[in-house]
N, C-alpha and C. Protein backbone atom coordinates (compact mmCIF):
# COMPACT_ATOMS: atom_id res chain seq x y z
N UNK A 1 20.04 27.67 45.88
CA UNK A 1 19.70 26.71 44.88
C UNK A 1 19.62 25.33 45.47
N UNK A 2 18.65 24.61 45.08
CA UNK A 2 18.53 23.24 45.67
C UNK A 2 19.43 22.25 44.92
N UNK A 3 19.49 21.03 45.46
CA UNK A 3 20.41 20.05 44.91
C UNK A 3 19.78 19.39 43.57
N UNK A 4 18.51 19.62 43.27
CA UNK A 4 17.88 19.06 42.02
C UNK A 4 18.22 19.90 40.87
N UNK A 5 18.73 19.26 39.77
CA UNK A 5 19.09 19.86 38.63
C UNK A 5 17.96 19.76 37.60
N UNK A 6 17.53 20.82 36.98
CA UNK A 6 16.44 20.76 36.04
C UNK A 6 16.93 21.35 34.72
N UNK A 7 16.85 20.52 33.66
CA UNK A 7 17.19 21.02 32.37
C UNK A 7 15.98 21.82 31.75
N UNK A 8 16.24 22.81 31.00
CA UNK A 8 15.08 23.61 30.38
C UNK A 8 14.35 22.73 29.44
N UNK A 9 14.97 21.77 28.81
CA UNK A 9 14.32 20.89 27.79
C UNK A 9 13.94 19.55 28.39
N UNK A 10 13.78 19.47 29.67
CA UNK A 10 13.54 18.09 30.31
C UNK A 10 12.44 17.33 29.75
N UNK A 11 11.35 17.98 29.39
CA UNK A 11 10.11 17.24 28.89
C UNK A 11 10.12 17.06 27.40
N UNK A 12 11.14 17.56 26.72
CA UNK A 12 11.21 17.58 25.27
C UNK A 12 11.35 16.16 24.66
N UNK A 13 12.16 15.28 25.29
CA UNK A 13 12.41 13.97 24.74
C UNK A 13 11.10 13.19 24.52
N UNK A 14 10.24 13.15 25.54
CA UNK A 14 9.00 12.38 25.38
C UNK A 14 8.00 13.08 24.42
N UNK A 15 8.13 14.43 24.44
CA UNK A 15 7.16 15.16 23.52
C UNK A 15 7.67 14.92 22.09
N UNK A 16 8.90 14.92 21.84
CA UNK A 16 9.49 14.67 20.52
C UNK A 16 9.05 13.31 20.04
N UNK A 17 9.21 12.26 20.90
CA UNK A 17 8.80 10.95 20.50
C UNK A 17 7.36 10.90 20.10
N UNK A 18 6.50 11.62 20.78
CA UNK A 18 5.08 11.69 20.46
C UNK A 18 4.78 12.22 19.04
N UNK A 19 5.57 13.24 18.73
CA UNK A 19 5.36 13.96 17.43
C UNK A 19 6.04 13.25 16.26
N UNK A 20 7.03 12.45 16.45
CA UNK A 20 7.83 11.81 15.35
C UNK A 20 7.42 10.29 15.33
N UNK A 21 6.22 10.04 14.89
CA UNK A 21 5.73 8.69 14.73
C UNK A 21 5.80 8.29 13.30
N UNK A 22 5.97 6.97 13.12
CA UNK A 22 5.97 6.51 11.79
C UNK A 22 4.56 6.70 11.18
N UNK A 23 4.51 7.00 9.89
CA UNK A 23 3.19 7.14 9.31
C UNK A 23 2.43 5.80 9.21
N UNK A 24 1.16 5.81 9.22
CA UNK A 24 0.37 4.61 9.19
C UNK A 24 0.63 3.95 7.81
N UNK A 25 0.66 2.68 7.80
CA UNK A 25 0.90 1.94 6.61
C UNK A 25 -0.37 1.18 6.14
N UNK A 26 -0.51 1.08 4.84
CA UNK A 26 -1.70 0.47 4.24
C UNK A 26 -1.28 -0.57 3.19
N UNK A 27 -2.03 -1.71 3.19
CA UNK A 27 -1.85 -2.73 2.16
C UNK A 27 -2.71 -2.27 0.99
N UNK A 28 -2.14 -2.34 -0.21
CA UNK A 28 -2.91 -2.18 -1.38
C UNK A 28 -3.28 -3.59 -1.95
N UNK A 29 -4.54 -3.81 -2.24
CA UNK A 29 -5.08 -5.12 -2.59
C UNK A 29 -5.70 -5.07 -4.00
N UNK A 30 -5.56 -6.21 -4.72
CA UNK A 30 -6.33 -6.35 -5.96
C UNK A 30 -7.34 -7.46 -5.66
N UNK A 31 -8.52 -7.32 -6.30
CA UNK A 31 -9.61 -8.23 -6.03
C UNK A 31 -9.95 -8.97 -7.40
N UNK A 32 -10.30 -10.26 -7.21
CA UNK A 32 -10.64 -11.08 -8.37
C UNK A 32 -11.98 -10.71 -8.96
N UNK A 33 -12.00 -10.84 -10.25
CA UNK A 33 -13.33 -10.68 -10.94
C UNK A 33 -13.31 -11.73 -12.14
N UNK A 34 -14.44 -11.81 -12.84
CA UNK A 34 -14.59 -12.83 -13.85
C UNK A 34 -14.19 -12.32 -15.23
N UNK A 35 -13.75 -11.08 -15.32
CA UNK A 35 -13.52 -10.48 -16.69
C UNK A 35 -12.09 -10.03 -16.92
N UNK A 36 -11.37 -9.54 -15.90
CA UNK A 36 -9.98 -9.06 -16.05
C UNK A 36 -9.06 -10.24 -16.39
N UNK A 37 -8.29 -10.00 -17.43
CA UNK A 37 -7.34 -11.14 -17.75
C UNK A 37 -6.14 -11.22 -16.82
N UNK A 38 -5.55 -12.44 -16.75
CA UNK A 38 -4.37 -12.62 -15.90
C UNK A 38 -3.24 -11.80 -16.37
N UNK A 39 -3.14 -11.69 -17.75
CA UNK A 39 -2.08 -10.90 -18.35
C UNK A 39 -2.14 -9.42 -18.00
N UNK A 40 -3.37 -8.86 -17.96
CA UNK A 40 -3.53 -7.52 -17.53
C UNK A 40 -3.16 -7.32 -16.08
N UNK A 41 -3.53 -8.22 -15.21
CA UNK A 41 -3.20 -8.08 -13.84
C UNK A 41 -1.66 -8.07 -13.63
N UNK A 42 -1.00 -8.97 -14.36
CA UNK A 42 0.45 -9.05 -14.31
C UNK A 42 1.06 -7.73 -14.84
N UNK A 43 0.51 -7.15 -15.87
CA UNK A 43 1.00 -5.87 -16.38
C UNK A 43 0.80 -4.78 -15.33
N UNK A 44 -0.33 -4.74 -14.64
CA UNK A 44 -0.58 -3.77 -13.61
C UNK A 44 0.42 -3.88 -12.46
N UNK A 45 0.70 -5.14 -12.09
CA UNK A 45 1.66 -5.38 -10.97
C UNK A 45 3.00 -4.98 -11.34
N UNK A 46 3.40 -5.14 -12.58
CA UNK A 46 4.73 -4.77 -13.05
C UNK A 46 4.91 -3.28 -13.23
N UNK A 47 3.87 -2.66 -13.83
CA UNK A 47 4.02 -1.24 -14.20
C UNK A 47 3.71 -0.27 -12.99
N UNK A 48 2.63 -0.55 -12.23
CA UNK A 48 2.17 0.27 -11.17
C UNK A 48 2.97 0.02 -9.90
N UNK A 49 3.20 -1.28 -9.61
CA UNK A 49 3.85 -1.65 -8.33
C UNK A 49 5.31 -2.07 -8.50
N UNK A 50 5.83 -2.10 -9.68
CA UNK A 50 7.27 -2.43 -9.90
C UNK A 50 7.66 -3.81 -9.57
N UNK A 51 6.73 -4.77 -9.70
CA UNK A 51 6.99 -6.15 -9.46
C UNK A 51 7.76 -6.80 -10.59
N UNK A 52 8.54 -7.80 -10.29
CA UNK A 52 9.30 -8.62 -11.32
C UNK A 52 8.16 -9.49 -11.91
N UNK A 53 8.46 -10.15 -13.02
CA UNK A 53 7.60 -11.07 -13.64
C UNK A 53 7.21 -12.20 -12.64
N UNK A 54 8.13 -12.77 -11.91
CA UNK A 54 7.79 -13.87 -11.03
C UNK A 54 6.89 -13.39 -9.85
N UNK A 55 7.28 -12.26 -9.30
CA UNK A 55 6.44 -11.62 -8.19
C UNK A 55 5.03 -11.37 -8.65
N UNK A 56 4.92 -10.80 -9.86
CA UNK A 56 3.62 -10.33 -10.41
C UNK A 56 2.83 -11.66 -10.70
N UNK A 57 3.45 -12.70 -11.16
CA UNK A 57 2.67 -13.95 -11.42
C UNK A 57 2.21 -14.56 -10.07
N UNK A 58 3.05 -14.50 -9.10
CA UNK A 58 2.69 -15.09 -7.80
C UNK A 58 1.46 -14.28 -7.15
N UNK A 59 1.51 -13.00 -7.23
CA UNK A 59 0.41 -12.18 -6.74
C UNK A 59 -0.83 -12.40 -7.53
N UNK A 60 -0.73 -12.46 -8.86
CA UNK A 60 -1.88 -12.69 -9.74
C UNK A 60 -2.50 -14.00 -9.36
N UNK A 61 -1.72 -15.01 -9.09
CA UNK A 61 -2.30 -16.32 -8.77
C UNK A 61 -3.03 -16.27 -7.40
N UNK A 62 -2.53 -15.45 -6.48
CA UNK A 62 -3.21 -15.24 -5.22
C UNK A 62 -4.55 -14.59 -5.54
N UNK A 63 -4.56 -13.56 -6.30
CA UNK A 63 -5.82 -12.91 -6.70
C UNK A 63 -6.79 -13.90 -7.25
N UNK A 64 -6.30 -14.70 -8.24
CA UNK A 64 -7.15 -15.63 -8.97
C UNK A 64 -7.64 -16.72 -8.05
N UNK A 65 -6.81 -17.34 -7.22
CA UNK A 65 -7.13 -18.48 -6.41
C UNK A 65 -7.80 -18.11 -5.09
N UNK A 66 -7.38 -17.02 -4.49
CA UNK A 66 -7.92 -16.70 -3.17
C UNK A 66 -8.89 -15.46 -3.17
N UNK A 67 -9.00 -14.84 -4.29
CA UNK A 67 -9.89 -13.75 -4.44
C UNK A 67 -9.30 -12.38 -4.18
N UNK A 68 -8.12 -12.39 -3.60
CA UNK A 68 -7.48 -11.13 -3.29
C UNK A 68 -5.98 -11.36 -3.24
N UNK A 69 -5.15 -10.30 -3.55
CA UNK A 69 -3.72 -10.38 -3.49
C UNK A 69 -3.18 -9.07 -3.03
N UNK A 70 -2.14 -9.14 -2.18
CA UNK A 70 -1.43 -7.95 -1.66
C UNK A 70 -0.42 -7.48 -2.66
N UNK A 71 -0.52 -6.24 -3.06
CA UNK A 71 0.43 -5.74 -4.01
C UNK A 71 1.62 -5.04 -3.36
N UNK A 72 1.45 -4.54 -2.16
CA UNK A 72 2.51 -3.85 -1.47
C UNK A 72 1.96 -3.07 -0.28
N UNK A 73 2.83 -2.49 0.57
CA UNK A 73 2.51 -1.78 1.74
C UNK A 73 3.12 -0.34 1.61
N UNK A 74 2.23 0.71 1.74
CA UNK A 74 2.62 2.04 1.49
C UNK A 74 2.05 2.96 2.53
N UNK A 75 2.46 4.19 2.52
CA UNK A 75 1.85 5.22 3.39
C UNK A 75 0.46 5.55 2.70
N UNK A 76 -0.45 6.21 3.43
CA UNK A 76 -1.82 6.42 2.97
C UNK A 76 -1.85 7.16 1.58
N UNK A 77 -1.06 8.20 1.41
CA UNK A 77 -1.13 8.98 0.17
C UNK A 77 -0.60 8.13 -0.99
N UNK A 78 0.44 7.37 -0.82
CA UNK A 78 0.93 6.50 -1.91
C UNK A 78 -0.06 5.37 -2.21
N UNK A 79 -0.66 4.79 -1.15
CA UNK A 79 -1.63 3.71 -1.36
C UNK A 79 -2.83 4.23 -2.11
N UNK A 80 -3.35 5.46 -1.75
CA UNK A 80 -4.51 6.02 -2.45
C UNK A 80 -4.20 6.29 -3.90
N UNK A 81 -2.94 6.77 -4.19
CA UNK A 81 -2.61 7.04 -5.58
C UNK A 81 -2.47 5.74 -6.35
N UNK A 82 -1.93 4.71 -5.74
CA UNK A 82 -1.82 3.36 -6.47
C UNK A 82 -3.22 2.86 -6.76
N UNK A 83 -4.14 2.86 -5.78
CA UNK A 83 -5.52 2.39 -5.99
C UNK A 83 -6.17 3.15 -7.16
N UNK A 84 -6.04 4.49 -7.13
CA UNK A 84 -6.63 5.34 -8.17
C UNK A 84 -6.03 4.97 -9.59
N UNK A 85 -4.75 4.79 -9.63
CA UNK A 85 -4.02 4.46 -10.86
C UNK A 85 -4.51 3.11 -11.43
N UNK A 86 -4.62 2.13 -10.57
CA UNK A 86 -5.17 0.82 -10.97
C UNK A 86 -6.52 0.99 -11.61
N UNK A 87 -7.40 1.68 -10.92
CA UNK A 87 -8.77 1.87 -11.43
C UNK A 87 -8.79 2.59 -12.75
N UNK A 88 -7.97 3.63 -12.82
CA UNK A 88 -7.88 4.45 -14.05
C UNK A 88 -7.41 3.58 -15.26
N UNK A 89 -6.36 2.82 -15.08
CA UNK A 89 -5.78 2.00 -16.14
C UNK A 89 -6.77 0.92 -16.53
N UNK A 90 -7.44 0.31 -15.52
CA UNK A 90 -8.37 -0.75 -15.77
C UNK A 90 -9.55 -0.24 -16.56
N UNK A 91 -10.11 0.89 -16.16
CA UNK A 91 -11.27 1.42 -16.95
C UNK A 91 -10.88 1.82 -18.34
N UNK A 92 -9.67 2.32 -18.49
CA UNK A 92 -9.20 2.76 -19.78
C UNK A 92 -9.10 1.52 -20.75
N UNK A 93 -8.69 0.34 -20.15
CA UNK A 93 -8.55 -0.86 -20.89
C UNK A 93 -9.86 -1.66 -20.97
N UNK A 94 -10.90 -1.16 -20.24
CA UNK A 94 -12.20 -1.85 -20.33
C UNK A 94 -12.34 -3.01 -19.35
N UNK A 95 -11.54 -3.05 -18.29
CA UNK A 95 -11.64 -4.09 -17.25
C UNK A 95 -12.25 -3.50 -15.98
N UNK A 96 -12.97 -4.41 -15.26
CA UNK A 96 -13.56 -3.99 -14.00
C UNK A 96 -12.69 -4.28 -12.78
N UNK A 97 -11.39 -4.39 -13.03
CA UNK A 97 -10.44 -4.77 -11.91
C UNK A 97 -10.62 -3.70 -10.80
N UNK A 98 -10.75 -4.29 -9.56
CA UNK A 98 -10.93 -3.45 -8.37
C UNK A 98 -9.75 -3.57 -7.48
N UNK A 99 -9.32 -2.41 -6.89
CA UNK A 99 -8.31 -2.38 -5.99
C UNK A 99 -8.76 -1.63 -4.74
N UNK A 100 -8.19 -1.96 -3.62
CA UNK A 100 -8.61 -1.31 -2.32
C UNK A 100 -7.32 -1.19 -1.44
N UNK A 101 -7.54 -0.52 -0.32
CA UNK A 101 -6.41 -0.42 0.69
C UNK A 101 -6.99 -0.64 2.01
N UNK A 102 -6.16 -1.27 2.91
CA UNK A 102 -6.59 -1.39 4.33
C UNK A 102 -5.37 -1.26 5.19
N UNK A 103 -5.64 -0.72 6.39
CA UNK A 103 -4.55 -0.41 7.27
C UNK A 103 -3.92 -1.68 7.74
N UNK A 104 -2.61 -1.63 7.81
CA UNK A 104 -1.80 -2.83 8.31
C UNK A 104 -1.98 -2.91 9.79
């Protein structure tokens, strides 16, 4: 037997690191329009995204003043669900509010 010691799982550490990656993260955005009320945007931020009144107001003002606001950062599946929920609630209430997601 030679002096070199070889573990049966020697290559496993790097292989495991490759397989256990953090999931990609996505920002969920709300976009300004000329019809959706500020009150509705605040309600969306509180109910769908769990924001406090002050956080929701700050994000709503970003949407209003800058054209877009970040609602949160989520995994792809959660972000997709949040975007769909925003659109569903907005259409139900008669608003054209648009939401999207983009990779962080």
